[in-house]
């Protein structure tokens, strides 16, 4: 980009969009696309948590739990168990 640092609030907006997209895709049966969106959302939360753990680590934990539950629903249990534990 132009050398300007990306503000955390912009990452947070991207997370929200991807998270909502993941839910919508899951509701219409597009499981692979839904998982891809939530995985990307978690990557964003990880970056936010690295920069400010107190503010974003709880949200990252919730996102990881939701991701694990989604994986269980799609029968990807090995990865799901790792995320939940």
Foldseek 3Di string as FASTA:
>chain_A
DPPDDDDLVVLVVLLVVLQVVLVVCVVVPNLVSSLVSLVVSLVSLVVVCVVPVVVRVVVSLVSLLVSLVSCVVVVVNVVSVVSPD
